[in-house]
Amino acid sequence: MGYYPQLPQGWCATILGNIFNHNTGKALNSSNKEGIMRKYLTTSNVYWNRFDFSVVKQMPFKENEIDKCTVIKGDLLVCEGGDIGRSAIWDFDYDICIQNHLHRLRPKGEIVIFFYYYVLMLLKENNLIGGKGIGLLGLSSNELHKIMLPIPPFAEQKRIVKTIKQLFKQIDKIMENL
């Protein structure tokens, strides 16, 4: 079971690749001038459950790269480098492209995406997500694919997310009053 030696009854565990389609975006290549100019996100745009749009760059994307590199509402983005594993959910009504240092996770079935965002946060906090390499660390697609994730029943996923969001609201109120 990997990180989850004992799961509650009705839960199971599987690898991330079984519940998400995932890929990275386009590599920045200054010699590649062909395609449609599109805005794209890098790891510097992605923070824990938020995005920084102060600098959004553009590069050309060929027609055959658009689907692979486009993020739609509900996709979970995970940083491959920098703060490895840092994640955010794209919750906007417009699409945007991504660079190759971001993983795009798109659910294969009906799941509560915020539940898996919080699982990644927990794994990161406990140093269970990290990169390997010399110099620059990274989270490869292969490593990401093999991350073990719990699968509670759908209703339980919703209940857990609701509880976590309520607790974060309480923490925010406490912090405001300090």
N, C-alpha and C. Protein backbone atom coordinates (compact mmCIF):
# COMPACT_ATOMS: atom_id res chain seq x y z
N MET A 1 0.81 -1.22 0.00
CA MET A 1 0.00 0.00 0.00
C MET A 1 0.85 1.27 0.00
N GLY A 2 2.16 1.15 0.04
CA GLY A 2 3.01 2.34 -0.03
C GLY A 2 2.85 3.20 1.20
N TYR A 3 2.39 4.45 1.02
CA TYR A 3 2.27 5.42 2.10
C TYR A 3 1.06 5.13 2.99
N TYR A 4 0.18 4.25 2.60
CA TYR A 4 -1.10 4.05 3.27
C TYR A 4 -1.21 2.62 3.79
N PRO A 5 -0.57 2.32 4.93
CA PRO A 5 -0.59 0.94 5.42
C PRO A 5 -1.99 0.46 5.80
N GLN A 6 -2.82 1.36 6.33
CA GLN A 6 -4.18 0.97 6.70
C GLN A 6 -5.15 2.02 6.20
N LEU A 7 -6.02 1.62 5.31
CA LEU A 7 -7.03 2.53 4.78
C LEU A 7 -8.39 2.15 5.38
N PRO A 8 -9.27 3.14 5.55
CA PRO A 8 -10.61 2.83 6.06
C PRO A 8 -11.35 1.88 5.12
N GLN A 9 -12.32 1.20 5.69
CA GLN A 9 -13.12 0.27 4.89
C GLN A 9 -13.79 1.04 3.75
N GLY A 10 -13.77 0.46 2.57
CA GLY A 10 -14.37 1.09 1.40
C GLY A 10 -13.38 1.92 0.59
N TRP A 11 -12.19 2.14 1.15
CA TRP A 11 -11.14 2.87 0.45
C TRP A 11 -10.22 1.85 -0.21
N CYS A 12 -9.51 2.32 -1.24
CA CYS A 12 -8.43 1.53 -1.81
C CYS A 12 -7.32 2.49 -2.22
N ALA A 13 -6.24 1.97 -2.71
CA ALA A 13 -5.14 2.81 -3.16
C ALA A 13 -4.73 2.37 -4.56
N THR A 14 -4.26 3.31 -5.32
CA THR A 14 -3.77 3.01 -6.66
C THR A 14 -2.72 4.05 -7.03
N ILE A 15 -2.10 3.85 -8.17
CA ILE A 15 -1.12 4.85 -8.61
C ILE A 15 -1.84 5.98 -9.34
N LEU A 16 -1.24 7.13 -9.28
CA LEU A 16 -1.81 8.34 -9.89
C LEU A 16 -2.18 8.12 -11.35
N GLY A 17 -1.32 7.42 -12.08
CA GLY A 17 -1.56 7.19 -13.50
C GLY A 17 -2.83 6.42 -13.81
N ASN A 18 -3.40 5.73 -12.81
CA ASN A 18 -4.64 5.00 -13.03
C ASN A 18 -5.87 5.90 -12.94
N ILE A 19 -5.74 7.05 -12.27
CA ILE A 19 -6.92 7.91 -12.13
C ILE A 19 -6.78 9.25 -12.86
N PHE A 20 -5.57 9.55 -13.33
CA PHE A 20 -5.35 10.80 -14.08
C PHE A 20 -4.65 10.51 -15.40
N ASN A 21 -5.09 11.20 -16.45
CA ASN A 21 -4.27 11.34 -17.65
C ASN A 21 -3.31 12.47 -17.34
N HIS A 22 -2.05 12.30 -17.63
CA HIS A 22 -1.11 13.37 -17.32
C HIS A 22 -0.05 13.50 -18.39
N ASN A 23 0.38 14.73 -18.57
CA ASN A 23 1.47 15.03 -19.49
C ASN A 23 2.04 16.39 -19.14
N THR A 24 3.17 16.68 -19.71
CA THR A 24 3.77 18.00 -19.54
C THR A 24 3.50 18.83 -20.79
N GLY A 25 3.81 20.11 -20.70
CA GLY A 25 3.58 21.01 -21.82
C GLY A 25 4.75 21.03 -22.80
N LYS A 26 4.87 22.15 -23.48
CA LYS A 26 5.86 22.30 -24.54
C LYS A 26 7.17 22.87 -24.00
N ALA A 27 8.26 22.30 -24.48
CA ALA A 27 9.58 22.82 -24.12
C ALA A 27 9.82 24.14 -24.85
N LEU A 28 10.37 25.08 -24.13
CA LEU A 28 10.71 26.38 -24.71
C LEU A 28 11.89 26.19 -25.64
N ASN A 29 11.71 26.59 -26.89
CA ASN A 29 12.76 26.42 -27.88
C ASN A 29 12.80 27.67 -28.75
N SER A 30 13.83 28.48 -28.58
CA SER A 30 13.89 29.77 -29.27
C SER A 30 14.00 29.61 -30.79
N SER A 31 14.45 28.44 -31.26
CA SER A 31 14.57 28.25 -32.71
C SER A 31 13.23 27.90 -33.36
N ASN A 32 12.25 27.51 -32.53
CA ASN A 32 10.95 27.13 -33.06
C ASN A 32 10.06 28.36 -33.17
N LYS A 33 9.84 28.81 -34.38
CA LYS A 33 9.05 30.03 -34.61
C LYS A 33 7.71 29.73 -35.29
N GLU A 34 7.41 28.46 -35.51
CA GLU A 34 6.18 28.09 -36.22
C GLU A 34 5.03 27.87 -35.25
N GLY A 35 3.84 28.24 -35.69
CA GLY A 35 2.65 27.98 -34.90
C GLY A 35 1.90 29.23 -34.52
N ILE A 36 0.87 29.03 -33.72
CA ILE A 36 0.00 30.11 -33.25
C ILE A 36 0.54 30.61 -31.93
N MET A 37 0.71 31.92 -31.79
CA MET A 37 1.19 32.48 -30.53
C MET A 37 0.11 32.30 -29.47
N ARG A 38 0.51 31.65 -28.38
CA ARG A 38 -0.43 31.41 -27.27
C ARG A 38 0.26 31.73 -25.96
N LYS A 39 -0.52 32.22 -25.01
CA LYS A 39 0.01 32.42 -23.66
C LYS A 39 0.23 31.07 -23.01
N TYR A 40 1.24 30.99 -22.13
CA TYR A 40 1.51 29.73 -21.44
C TYR A 40 1.96 30.00 -20.02
N LEU A 41 1.74 29.00 -19.16
CA LEU A 41 2.14 29.06 -17.77
C LEU A 41 3.45 28.30 -17.57
N THR A 42 4.24 28.78 -16.62
CA THR A 42 5.45 28.08 -16.18
C THR A 42 5.31 27.83 -14.69
N THR A 43 6.32 27.19 -14.10
CA THR A 43 6.28 26.95 -12.66
C THR A 43 6.24 28.25 -11.87
N SER A 44 6.74 29.34 -12.44
CA SER A 44 6.72 30.62 -11.73
C SER A 44 5.32 31.23 -11.67
N ASN A 45 4.38 30.67 -12.41
CA ASN A 45 2.99 31.14 -12.36
C ASN A 45 2.14 30.34 -11.37
N VAL A 46 2.63 29.17 -10.95
CA VAL A 46 1.81 28.23 -10.16
C VAL A 46 2.27 28.23 -8.71
N TYR A 47 1.34 28.52 -7.82
CA TYR A 47 1.58 28.48 -6.38
C TYR A 47 0.53 27.56 -5.77
N TRP A 48 0.62 27.29 -4.47
CA TRP A 48 -0.36 26.40 -3.86
C TRP A 48 -1.76 26.98 -4.01
N ASN A 49 -2.53 26.36 -4.86
CA ASN A 49 -3.91 26.69 -5.17
C ASN A 49 -4.14 28.14 -5.59
N ARG A 50 -3.17 28.73 -6.24
CA ARG A 50 -3.36 30.05 -6.83
C ARG A 50 -2.36 30.24 -7.96
N PHE A 51 -2.64 31.25 -8.77
CA PHE A 51 -1.78 31.54 -9.91
C PHE A 51 -1.33 32.99 -9.84
N ASP A 52 -0.12 33.25 -10.27
CA ASP A 52 0.42 34.59 -10.37
C ASP A 52 0.50 34.92 -11.86
N PHE A 53 -0.30 35.89 -12.29
CA PHE A 53 -0.35 36.26 -13.70
C PHE A 53 0.43 37.53 -14.00
N SER A 54 1.31 37.95 -13.06
CA SER A 54 2.05 39.20 -13.29
C SER A 54 2.96 39.11 -14.51
N VAL A 55 3.49 37.92 -14.80
CA VAL A 55 4.28 37.71 -16.01
C VAL A 55 3.78 36.44 -16.68
N VAL A 56 3.08 36.62 -17.80
CA VAL A 56 2.61 35.48 -18.59
C VAL A 56 3.20 35.64 -19.98
N LYS A 57 4.03 34.69 -20.35
CA LYS A 57 4.73 34.77 -21.63
C LYS A 57 3.93 34.10 -22.74
N GLN A 58 4.42 34.29 -23.97
CA GLN A 58 3.81 33.65 -25.13
C GLN A 58 4.88 32.94 -25.93
N MET A 59 4.47 31.89 -26.61
CA MET A 59 5.34 31.22 -27.58
C MET A 59 4.44 30.55 -28.62
N PRO A 60 5.03 30.20 -29.77
CA PRO A 60 4.21 29.56 -30.81
C PRO A 60 3.95 28.08 -30.51
N PHE A 61 2.71 27.67 -30.72
CA PHE A 61 2.31 26.27 -30.57
C PHE A 61 1.78 25.79 -31.91
N LYS A 62 2.32 24.67 -32.37
CA LYS A 62 1.82 24.07 -33.60
C LYS A 62 0.48 23.43 -33.31
N GLU A 63 -0.31 23.26 -34.35
CA GLU A 63 -1.66 22.71 -34.17
C GLU A 63 -1.63 21.35 -33.47
N ASN A 64 -0.63 20.52 -33.79
CA ASN A 64 -0.57 19.19 -33.18
C ASN A 64 -0.07 19.22 -31.74
N GLU A 65 0.32 20.40 -31.21
CA GLU A 65 0.76 20.53 -29.82
C GLU A 65 -0.32 21.11 -28.91
N ILE A 66 -1.33 21.72 -29.51
CA ILE A 66 -2.35 22.45 -28.74
C ILE A 66 -3.06 21.57 -27.72
N ASP A 67 -3.60 20.42 -28.14
CA ASP A 67 -4.35 19.57 -27.22
C ASP A 67 -3.49 19.12 -26.04
N LYS A 68 -2.28 18.65 -26.33
CA LYS A 68 -1.39 18.15 -25.29
C LYS A 68 -1.01 19.24 -24.29
N CYS A 69 -0.91 20.47 -24.75
CA CYS A 69 -0.37 21.56 -23.93
C CYS A 69 -1.42 22.50 -23.35
N THR A 70 -2.69 22.24 -23.61
CA THR A 70 -3.74 23.16 -23.17
C THR A 70 -4.37 22.68 -21.86
N VAL A 71 -4.56 23.63 -20.96
CA VAL A 71 -5.19 23.40 -19.67
C VAL A 71 -6.63 23.89 -19.74
N ILE A 72 -7.55 23.08 -19.24
CA ILE A 72 -8.95 23.48 -19.19
C ILE A 72 -9.42 23.48 -17.73
N LYS A 73 -10.55 24.12 -17.50
CA LYS A 73 -11.11 24.21 -16.16
C LYS A 73 -11.22 22.81 -15.53
N GLY A 74 -10.69 22.70 -14.30
CA GLY A 74 -10.73 21.43 -13.59
C GLY A 74 -9.44 20.64 -13.64
N ASP A 75 -8.49 21.06 -14.48
CA ASP A 75 -7.20 20.37 -14.53
C ASP A 75 -6.38 20.74 -13.30
N LEU A 76 -5.62 19.76 -12.81
CA LEU A 76 -4.71 19.97 -11.69
C LEU A 76 -3.31 20.10 -12.26
N LEU A 77 -2.64 21.21 -11.94
CA LEU A 77 -1.29 21.45 -12.42
C LEU A 77 -0.30 21.19 -11.30
N VAL A 78 0.78 20.48 -11.61
CA VAL A 78 1.79 20.10 -10.63
C VAL A 78 3.16 20.52 -11.16
N CYS A 79 3.93 21.21 -10.33
CA CYS A 79 5.26 21.66 -10.74
C CYS A 79 6.23 20.49 -10.78
N GLU A 80 6.97 20.40 -11.89
CA GLU A 80 7.99 19.38 -12.06
C GLU A 80 9.30 19.80 -11.39
N GLY A 81 9.57 21.09 -11.39
CA GLY A 81 10.81 21.61 -10.83
C GLY A 81 10.51 22.75 -9.87
N GLY A 82 11.55 23.40 -9.42
CA GLY A 82 11.37 24.48 -8.45
C GLY A 82 10.88 23.89 -7.14
N ASP A 83 9.72 24.33 -6.69
CA ASP A 83 9.09 23.75 -5.50
C ASP A 83 8.34 22.50 -5.97
N ILE A 84 9.05 21.41 -6.07
CA ILE A 84 8.55 20.18 -6.70
C ILE A 84 7.25 19.73 -6.03
N GLY A 85 6.23 19.50 -6.86
CA GLY A 85 4.96 19.03 -6.35
C GLY A 85 3.96 20.13 -6.04
N ARG A 86 4.43 21.39 -6.03
CA ARG A 86 3.51 22.51 -5.79
C ARG A 86 2.39 22.42 -6.82
N SER A 87 1.15 22.62 -6.37
CA SER A 87 0.00 22.34 -7.22
C SER A 87 -1.07 23.41 -7.13
N ALA A 88 -1.87 23.48 -8.19
CA ALA A 88 -3.02 24.38 -8.23
C ALA A 88 -4.04 23.83 -9.22
N ILE A 89 -5.28 24.13 -8.97
CA ILE A 89 -6.37 23.69 -9.86
C ILE A 89 -6.74 24.86 -10.76
N TRP A 90 -6.76 24.62 -12.06
CA TRP A 90 -7.16 25.65 -13.02
C TRP A 90 -8.68 25.77 -12.94
N ASP A 91 -9.16 26.90 -12.43
CA ASP A 91 -10.59 27.08 -12.20
C ASP A 91 -11.13 28.28 -12.97
N PHE A 92 -10.59 28.48 -14.15
CA PHE A 92 -10.99 29.62 -14.97
C PHE A 92 -11.77 29.13 -16.18
N ASP A 93 -12.60 30.02 -16.72
CA ASP A 93 -13.46 29.64 -17.85
C ASP A 93 -12.77 29.82 -19.19
N TYR A 94 -11.47 30.00 -19.19
CA TYR A 94 -10.73 30.07 -20.45
C TYR A 94 -9.55 29.10 -20.35
N ASP A 95 -9.08 28.69 -21.50
CA ASP A 95 -7.98 27.74 -21.57
C ASP A 95 -6.66 28.49 -21.67
N ILE A 96 -5.58 27.82 -21.29
CA ILE A 96 -4.24 28.37 -21.41
C ILE A 96 -3.29 27.21 -21.64
N CYS A 97 -2.13 27.49 -22.21
CA CYS A 97 -1.14 26.44 -22.47
C CYS A 97 -0.15 26.36 -21.31
N ILE A 98 0.64 25.29 -21.32
CA ILE A 98 1.66 25.11 -20.28
C ILE A 98 3.00 24.76 -20.91
N GLN A 99 4.05 25.12 -20.18
CA GLN A 99 5.41 24.78 -20.55
C GLN A 99 5.74 23.39 -20.02
N ASN A 100 6.84 22.82 -20.45
CA ASN A 100 7.16 21.43 -20.13
C ASN A 100 7.51 21.18 -18.67
N HIS A 101 7.71 22.19 -17.85
CA HIS A 101 8.02 21.96 -16.44
C HIS A 101 6.77 21.89 -15.57
N LEU A 102 5.61 21.86 -16.20
CA LEU A 102 4.34 21.68 -15.50
C LEU A 102 3.69 20.39 -15.98
N HIS A 103 3.18 19.63 -15.02
CA HIS A 103 2.38 18.44 -15.34
C HIS A 103 0.91 18.86 -15.33
N ARG A 104 0.19 18.41 -16.33
CA ARG A 104 -1.26 18.61 -16.37
C ARG A 104 -1.92 17.28 -16.02
N LEU A 105 -2.69 17.28 -14.92
CA LEU A 105 -3.42 16.09 -14.52
C LEU A 105 -4.90 16.30 -14.83
N ARG A 106 -5.45 15.41 -15.62
CA ARG A 106 -6.86 15.49 -15.98
C ARG A 106 -7.52 14.19 -15.55
N PRO A 107 -8.55 14.27 -14.68
CA PRO A 107 -9.18 13.04 -14.18
C PRO A 107 -9.71 12.16 -15.29
N LYS A 108 -9.52 10.85 -15.13
CA LYS A 108 -10.06 9.87 -16.08
C LYS A 108 -11.53 9.58 -15.80
N GLY A 109 -11.95 9.78 -14.54
CA GLY A 109 -13.32 9.49 -14.15
C GLY A 109 -13.81 10.53 -13.18
N GLU A 110 -14.91 10.22 -12.50
CA GLU A 110 -15.50 11.18 -11.57
C GLU A 110 -14.77 11.11 -10.23
N ILE A 111 -14.06 12.19 -9.93
CA ILE A 111 -13.37 12.33 -8.65
C ILE A 111 -13.54 13.77 -8.19
N VAL A 112 -13.26 14.00 -6.92
CA VAL A 112 -13.25 15.37 -6.39
C VAL A 112 -11.82 15.86 -6.50
N ILE A 113 -11.57 16.74 -7.46
CA ILE A 113 -10.21 17.15 -7.77
C ILE A 113 -9.53 17.80 -6.56
N PHE A 114 -10.29 18.53 -5.74
CA PHE A 114 -9.69 19.15 -4.56
C PHE A 114 -9.18 18.11 -3.57
N PHE A 115 -9.83 16.94 -3.49
CA PHE A 115 -9.33 15.90 -2.61
C PHE A 115 -7.91 15.53 -3.00
N TYR A 116 -7.66 15.37 -4.29
CA TYR A 116 -6.32 14.97 -4.74
C TYR A 116 -5.32 16.11 -4.66
N TYR A 117 -5.79 17.33 -4.77
CA TYR A 117 -4.93 18.50 -4.51
C TYR A 117 -4.43 18.43 -3.06
N TYR A 118 -5.34 18.17 -2.12
CA TYR A 118 -4.95 18.09 -0.71
C TYR A 118 -4.06 16.88 -0.42
N VAL A 119 -4.28 15.78 -1.11
CA VAL A 119 -3.40 14.61 -0.94
C VAL A 119 -1.98 14.97 -1.39
N LEU A 120 -1.86 15.65 -2.54
CA LEU A 120 -0.52 16.05 -3.01
C LEU A 120 0.14 17.01 -2.01
N MET A 121 -0.66 17.91 -1.44
CA MET A 121 -0.14 18.84 -0.44
C MET A 121 0.38 18.06 0.77
N LEU A 122 -0.37 17.08 1.21
CA LEU A 122 0.03 16.25 2.35
C LEU A 122 1.32 15.48 2.04
N LEU A 123 1.38 14.88 0.87
CA LEU A 123 2.58 14.14 0.48
C LEU A 123 3.80 15.05 0.42
N LYS A 124 3.60 16.24 -0.14
CA LYS A 124 4.71 17.21 -0.22
C LYS A 124 5.16 17.62 1.18
N GLU A 125 4.20 17.91 2.04
CA GLU A 125 4.51 18.35 3.41
C GLU A 125 5.29 17.28 4.18
N ASN A 126 5.05 16.02 3.84
CA ASN A 126 5.72 14.91 4.52
C ASN A 126 6.92 14.37 3.74
N ASN A 127 7.41 15.19 2.81
CA ASN A 127 8.59 14.84 2.01
C ASN A 127 8.45 13.51 1.26
N LEU A 128 7.24 13.20 0.83
CA LEU A 128 7.01 11.99 0.06
C LEU A 128 6.94 12.26 -1.44
N ILE A 129 7.00 13.55 -1.80
CA ILE A 129 7.14 13.95 -3.20
C ILE A 129 8.42 14.74 -3.27
N GLY A 130 9.27 14.36 -4.17
CA GLY A 130 10.52 15.08 -4.34
C GLY A 130 11.16 14.63 -5.62
N GLY A 131 12.23 15.28 -5.99
CA GLY A 131 12.88 14.94 -7.24
C GLY A 131 14.21 14.29 -7.02
N LYS A 132 14.68 13.69 -8.07
CA LYS A 132 16.01 13.08 -8.05
C LYS A 132 16.81 13.73 -9.17
N GLY A 133 18.07 13.81 -9.00
CA GLY A 133 18.91 14.35 -10.06
C GLY A 133 20.09 15.07 -9.48
N ILE A 134 20.98 15.47 -10.34
CA ILE A 134 22.17 16.21 -9.94
C ILE A 134 21.91 17.68 -10.28
N GLY A 135 22.14 18.56 -9.33
CA GLY A 135 21.90 19.98 -9.58
C GLY A 135 20.43 20.30 -9.46
N LEU A 136 19.76 20.39 -10.60
CA LEU A 136 18.33 20.71 -10.59
C LEU A 136 17.53 19.46 -10.28
N LEU A 137 16.66 19.57 -9.31
CA LEU A 137 15.79 18.45 -8.98
C LEU A 137 14.52 18.55 -9.81
N GLY A 138 13.88 17.43 -10.04
CA GLY A 138 12.65 17.44 -10.82
C GLY A 138 11.78 16.25 -10.49
N LEU A 139 10.53 16.32 -10.90
CA LEU A 139 9.55 15.25 -10.72
C LEU A 139 9.18 14.77 -12.11
N SER A 140 9.76 13.65 -12.52
CA SER A 140 9.51 13.16 -13.87
C SER A 140 8.09 12.64 -14.01
N SER A 141 7.66 12.54 -15.26
CA SER A 141 6.33 11.97 -15.53
C SER A 141 6.23 10.55 -15.00
N ASN A 142 7.31 9.80 -15.12
CA ASN A 142 7.32 8.42 -14.65
C ASN A 142 7.15 8.36 -13.13
N GLU A 143 7.87 9.22 -12.40
CA GLU A 143 7.75 9.26 -10.94
C GLU A 143 6.35 9.70 -10.52
N LEU A 144 5.83 10.72 -11.20
CA LEU A 144 4.48 11.23 -10.89
C LEU A 144 3.45 10.13 -11.12
N HIS A 145 3.58 9.42 -12.23
CA HIS A 145 2.64 8.36 -12.60
C HIS A 145 2.54 7.31 -11.50
N LYS A 146 3.66 7.04 -10.80
CA LYS A 146 3.71 5.95 -9.82
C LYS A 146 3.37 6.38 -8.39
N ILE A 147 3.06 7.65 -8.16
CA ILE A 147 2.70 8.09 -6.80
C ILE A 147 1.43 7.37 -6.37
N MET A 148 1.49 6.77 -5.17
CA MET A 148 0.33 6.06 -4.64
C MET A 148 -0.68 7.07 -4.07
N LEU A 149 -1.95 6.90 -4.44
CA LEU A 149 -3.01 7.77 -3.97
C LEU A 149 -4.14 6.93 -3.37
N PRO A 150 -4.75 7.43 -2.30
CA PRO A 150 -5.92 6.74 -1.75
C PRO A 150 -7.15 7.06 -2.59
N ILE A 151 -8.07 6.13 -2.63
CA ILE A 151 -9.34 6.38 -3.32
C ILE A 151 -10.49 6.08 -2.36
N PRO A 152 -10.96 7.12 -1.67
CA PRO A 152 -12.17 6.92 -0.86
C PRO A 152 -13.41 6.97 -1.77
N PRO A 153 -14.53 6.50 -1.28
CA PRO A 153 -15.77 6.66 -2.05
C PRO A 153 -16.00 8.14 -2.37
N PHE A 154 -16.68 8.41 -3.48
CA PHE A 154 -16.89 9.77 -3.97
C PHE A 154 -17.50 10.68 -2.90
N ALA A 155 -18.53 10.20 -2.21
CA ALA A 155 -19.19 11.01 -1.18
C ALA A 155 -18.21 11.35 -0.05
N GLU A 156 -17.32 10.42 0.26
CA GLU A 156 -16.32 10.65 1.30
C GLU A 156 -15.30 11.70 0.83
N GLN A 157 -14.93 11.65 -0.43
CA GLN A 157 -14.02 12.68 -0.98
C GLN A 157 -14.64 14.06 -0.79
N LYS A 158 -15.92 14.19 -1.10
CA LYS A 158 -16.61 15.49 -0.96
C LYS A 158 -16.66 15.92 0.50
N ARG A 159 -16.96 14.99 1.40
CA ARG A 159 -17.04 15.32 2.82
C ARG A 159 -15.69 15.78 3.36
N ILE A 160 -14.63 15.09 2.98
CA ILE A 160 -13.29 15.44 3.44
C ILE A 160 -12.89 16.83 2.95
N VAL A 161 -13.15 17.11 1.68
CA VAL A 161 -12.81 18.43 1.12
C VAL A 161 -13.59 19.53 1.82
N LYS A 162 -14.88 19.30 2.07
CA LYS A 162 -15.70 20.29 2.77
C LYS A 162 -15.14 20.58 4.15
N THR A 163 -14.74 19.53 4.87
CA THR A 163 -14.18 19.69 6.21
C THR A 163 -12.86 20.46 6.17
N ILE A 164 -11.99 20.10 5.23
CA ILE A 164 -10.70 20.78 5.12
C ILE A 164 -10.90 22.26 4.82
N LYS A 165 -11.80 22.57 3.89
CA LYS A 165 -12.05 23.98 3.54
C LYS A 165 -12.59 24.75 4.74
N GLN A 166 -13.47 24.13 5.54
CA GLN A 166 -13.98 24.79 6.74
C GLN A 166 -12.86 25.05 7.74
N LEU A 167 -11.96 24.08 7.90
CA LEU A 167 -10.84 24.26 8.83
C LEU A 167 -9.90 25.38 8.36
N PHE A 168 -9.65 25.44 7.05
CA PHE A 168 -8.80 26.53 6.53
C PHE A 168 -9.46 27.89 6.76
N LYS A 169 -10.79 27.96 6.62
CA LYS A 169 -11.50 29.23 6.89
C LYS A 169 -11.33 29.63 8.36
N GLN A 170 -11.43 28.66 9.26
CA GLN A 170 -11.24 28.95 10.68
C GLN A 170 -9.82 29.42 10.96
N ILE A 171 -8.85 28.79 10.34
CA ILE A 171 -7.45 29.21 10.51
C ILE A 171 -7.26 30.64 10.00
N ASP A 172 -7.85 30.94 8.83
CA ASP A 172 -7.75 32.29 8.27
C ASP A 172 -8.33 33.33 9.23
N LYS A 173 -9.47 33.00 9.87
CA LYS A 173 -10.08 33.94 10.83
C LYS A 173 -9.18 34.14 12.04
N ILE A 174 -8.59 33.07 12.52
CA ILE A 174 -7.66 33.18 13.66
C ILE A 174 -6.48 34.05 13.29
N MET A 175 -5.93 33.84 12.09
CA MET A 175 -4.77 34.63 11.65
C MET A 175 -5.12 36.11 11.51
N GLU A 176 -6.34 36.40 11.04
CA GLU A 176 -6.78 37.80 10.91
C GLU A 176 -6.85 38.49 12.27
N ASN A 177 -7.20 37.73 13.30
CA ASN A 177 -7.39 38.30 14.65
C ASN A 177 -6.11 38.38 15.46
N LEU A 178 -5.04 37.89 14.96
CA LEU A 178 -3.75 37.95 15.69
C LEU A 178 -3.13 39.33 15.60
